[in-house]
């Protein structure tokens, strides 16, 4: 994603959530690639069907 698209997306969030989101993105290189793939699949499913229950995946 290019910088202008990233900035536009980040602007959709409030200050606190945006800061948390950007911190997590900055730390993604420390996350196992399989976990990122699982997250991508879950986000795709939500994007394609927003009514899908989000409690399928565990975590905190």
N, C-alpha and C. Protein backbone atom coordinates (compact mmCIF):
# COMPACT_ATOMS: atom_id res chain seq x y z
N UNK A 1 0.86 -1.16 0.00
CA UNK A 1 0.00 0.00 0.00
C UNK A 1 0.91 1.23 0.00
N UNK A 2 0.59 2.20 -0.85
CA UNK A 2 1.43 3.39 -0.90
C UNK A 2 1.13 4.31 0.28
N UNK A 3 2.02 5.29 0.47
CA UNK A 3 1.94 6.15 1.66
C UNK A 3 0.65 6.96 1.71
N UNK A 4 0.17 7.46 0.57
CA UNK A 4 -1.05 8.28 0.61
C UNK A 4 -2.27 7.44 0.95
N UNK A 5 -2.33 6.21 0.46
CA UNK A 5 -3.44 5.32 0.80
C UNK A 5 -3.37 4.93 2.28
N UNK A 6 -2.17 4.69 2.77
CA UNK A 6 -2.00 4.36 4.19
C UNK A 6 -2.43 5.52 5.08
N UNK A 7 -2.07 6.74 4.68
CA UNK A 7 -2.45 7.92 5.47
C UNK A 7 -3.96 8.11 5.45
N UNK A 8 -4.58 7.89 4.30
CA UNK A 8 -6.04 8.03 4.20
C UNK A 8 -6.73 7.00 5.08
N UNK A 9 -6.22 5.78 5.10
CA UNK A 9 -6.80 4.74 5.94
C UNK A 9 -6.61 5.07 7.42
N UNK A 10 -5.43 5.50 7.79
CA UNK A 10 -5.15 5.83 9.19
C UNK A 10 -6.04 6.98 9.67
N UNK A 11 -6.38 7.89 8.77
CA UNK A 11 -7.21 9.03 9.14
C UNK A 11 -8.64 8.63 9.50
N UNK A 12 -9.03 7.42 9.15
CA UNK A 12 -10.38 6.93 9.45
C UNK A 12 -10.55 6.57 10.93
N UNK A 13 -9.45 6.48 11.66
CA UNK A 13 -9.50 6.06 13.06
C UNK A 13 -9.28 7.25 13.99
N UNK A 14 -9.80 7.14 15.20
CA UNK A 14 -9.55 8.15 16.22
C UNK A 14 -8.09 8.13 16.65
N UNK A 15 -7.68 9.15 17.38
CA UNK A 15 -6.27 9.29 17.76
C UNK A 15 -5.72 8.07 18.50
N UNK A 16 -6.43 7.62 19.52
CA UNK A 16 -5.93 6.51 20.34
C UNK A 16 -5.83 5.22 19.52
N UNK A 17 -6.89 4.90 18.79
CA UNK A 17 -6.90 3.69 17.99
C UNK A 17 -5.87 3.77 16.86
N UNK A 18 -5.73 4.94 16.24
CA UNK A 18 -4.76 5.11 15.16
C UNK A 18 -3.34 4.88 15.69
N UNK A 19 -3.03 5.44 16.87
CA UNK A 19 -1.70 5.24 17.45
C UNK A 19 -1.44 3.76 17.72
N UNK A 20 -2.42 3.07 18.26
CA UNK A 20 -2.28 1.63 18.53
C UNK A 20 -2.09 0.86 17.23
N UNK A 21 -2.87 1.19 16.23
CA UNK A 21 -2.78 0.52 14.93
C UNK A 21 -1.40 0.71 14.31
N UNK A 22 -0.92 1.94 14.31
CA UNK A 22 0.38 2.22 13.69
C UNK A 22 1.52 1.55 14.46
N UNK A 23 1.41 1.49 15.77
CA UNK A 23 2.42 0.78 16.55
C UNK A 23 2.43 -0.70 16.20
N UNK A 24 1.26 -1.29 16.11
CA UNK A 24 1.18 -2.72 15.78
C UNK A 24 1.71 -3.00 14.38
N UNK A 25 1.40 -2.13 13.43
CA UNK A 25 1.93 -2.31 12.07
C UNK A 25 3.45 -2.21 12.08
N UNK A 26 3.98 -1.27 12.84
CA UNK A 26 5.43 -1.09 12.91
C UNK A 26 6.12 -2.32 13.48
N UNK A 27 5.41 -3.07 14.32
CA UNK A 27 6.01 -4.25 14.97
C UNK A 27 5.72 -5.55 14.23
N UNK A 28 5.08 -5.48 13.07
CA UNK A 28 4.68 -6.70 12.37
C UNK A 28 5.85 -7.60 11.99
N UNK A 29 7.03 -7.05 11.80
CA UNK A 29 8.15 -7.91 11.43
C UNK A 29 8.55 -8.85 12.56
N UNK A 30 8.00 -8.64 13.75
CA UNK A 30 8.27 -9.51 14.90
C UNK A 30 7.20 -10.57 15.09
N UNK A 31 6.24 -10.63 14.16
CA UNK A 31 5.14 -11.57 14.25
C UNK A 31 5.38 -12.71 13.26
N UNK A 32 5.09 -13.92 13.68
CA UNK A 32 5.26 -15.08 12.81
C UNK A 32 4.39 -14.91 11.56
N UNK A 33 4.94 -15.22 10.41
CA UNK A 33 4.24 -15.02 9.14
C UNK A 33 2.91 -15.78 9.08
N UNK A 34 2.82 -16.92 9.73
CA UNK A 34 1.58 -17.70 9.72
C UNK A 34 0.47 -16.94 10.45
N UNK A 35 0.81 -16.24 11.52
CA UNK A 35 -0.18 -15.44 12.24
C UNK A 35 -0.69 -14.30 11.37
N UNK A 36 0.20 -13.70 10.59
CA UNK A 36 -0.22 -12.62 9.69
C UNK A 36 -1.13 -13.17 8.61
N UNK A 37 -0.83 -14.35 8.08
CA UNK A 37 -1.69 -14.97 7.08
C UNK A 37 -3.08 -15.25 7.65
N UNK A 38 -3.14 -15.75 8.89
CA UNK A 38 -4.43 -16.01 9.54
C UNK A 38 -5.22 -14.71 9.70
N UNK A 39 -4.53 -13.65 10.10
CA UNK A 39 -5.18 -12.36 10.25
C UNK A 39 -5.71 -11.85 8.92
N UNK A 40 -4.91 -11.98 7.87
CA UNK A 40 -5.35 -11.55 6.54
C UNK A 40 -6.60 -12.30 6.10
N UNK A 41 -6.64 -13.60 6.34
CA UNK A 41 -7.82 -14.40 5.98
C UNK A 41 -9.05 -13.91 6.75
N UNK A 42 -8.89 -13.65 8.04
CA UNK A 42 -10.01 -13.19 8.85
C UNK A 42 -10.50 -11.82 8.37
N UNK A 43 -9.56 -10.93 8.07
CA UNK A 43 -9.96 -9.60 7.60
C UNK A 43 -10.64 -9.66 6.23
N UNK A 44 -10.15 -10.54 5.35
CA UNK A 44 -10.81 -10.72 4.05
C UNK A 44 -12.24 -11.21 4.24
N UNK A 45 -12.42 -12.17 5.13
CA UNK A 45 -13.75 -12.71 5.38
C UNK A 45 -14.68 -11.62 5.91
N UNK A 46 -14.18 -10.79 6.80
CA UNK A 46 -15.00 -9.70 7.35
C UNK A 46 -15.31 -8.68 6.26
N UNK A 47 -14.33 -8.38 5.42
CA UNK A 47 -14.54 -7.40 4.35
C UNK A 47 -15.57 -7.91 3.34
N UNK A 48 -15.53 -9.20 3.06
CA UNK A 48 -16.47 -9.77 2.10
C UNK A 48 -17.85 -9.97 2.69
N UNK A 49 -17.92 -10.25 3.98
CA UNK A 49 -19.20 -10.48 4.65
C UNK A 49 -19.14 -9.87 6.05
N UNK A 50 -19.42 -8.57 6.17
CA UNK A 50 -19.32 -7.89 7.47
C UNK A 50 -20.21 -8.48 8.56
N UNK A 51 -21.24 -9.23 8.17
CA UNK A 51 -22.13 -9.81 9.17
C UNK A 51 -21.54 -11.08 9.79
N UNK A 52 -20.44 -11.56 9.23
CA UNK A 52 -19.81 -12.77 9.76
C UNK A 52 -19.41 -12.56 11.21
N UNK A 53 -19.63 -13.57 12.03
CA UNK A 53 -19.29 -13.46 13.44
C UNK A 53 -17.78 -13.34 13.59
N UNK A 54 -17.36 -12.44 14.43
CA UNK A 54 -15.95 -12.17 14.60
C UNK A 54 -15.34 -12.98 15.74
N UNK A 55 -16.11 -13.78 16.38
CA UNK A 55 -15.59 -14.54 17.52
C UNK A 55 -14.99 -15.87 17.11
N UNK A 56 -14.83 -16.12 15.80
CA UNK A 56 -14.25 -17.36 15.33
C UNK A 56 -12.82 -17.56 15.81
N UNK A 57 -12.07 -16.46 15.86
CA UNK A 57 -10.67 -16.56 16.22
C UNK A 57 -10.48 -16.23 17.68
N UNK A 58 -9.51 -16.87 18.29
CA UNK A 58 -9.20 -16.61 19.69
C UNK A 58 -8.25 -15.44 19.82
N UNK A 59 -7.75 -15.24 21.00
CA UNK A 59 -6.78 -14.17 21.23
C UNK A 59 -7.29 -13.17 22.25
N UNK A 60 -6.48 -12.14 22.44
CA UNK A 60 -6.86 -11.11 23.41
C UNK A 60 -7.15 -9.81 22.74
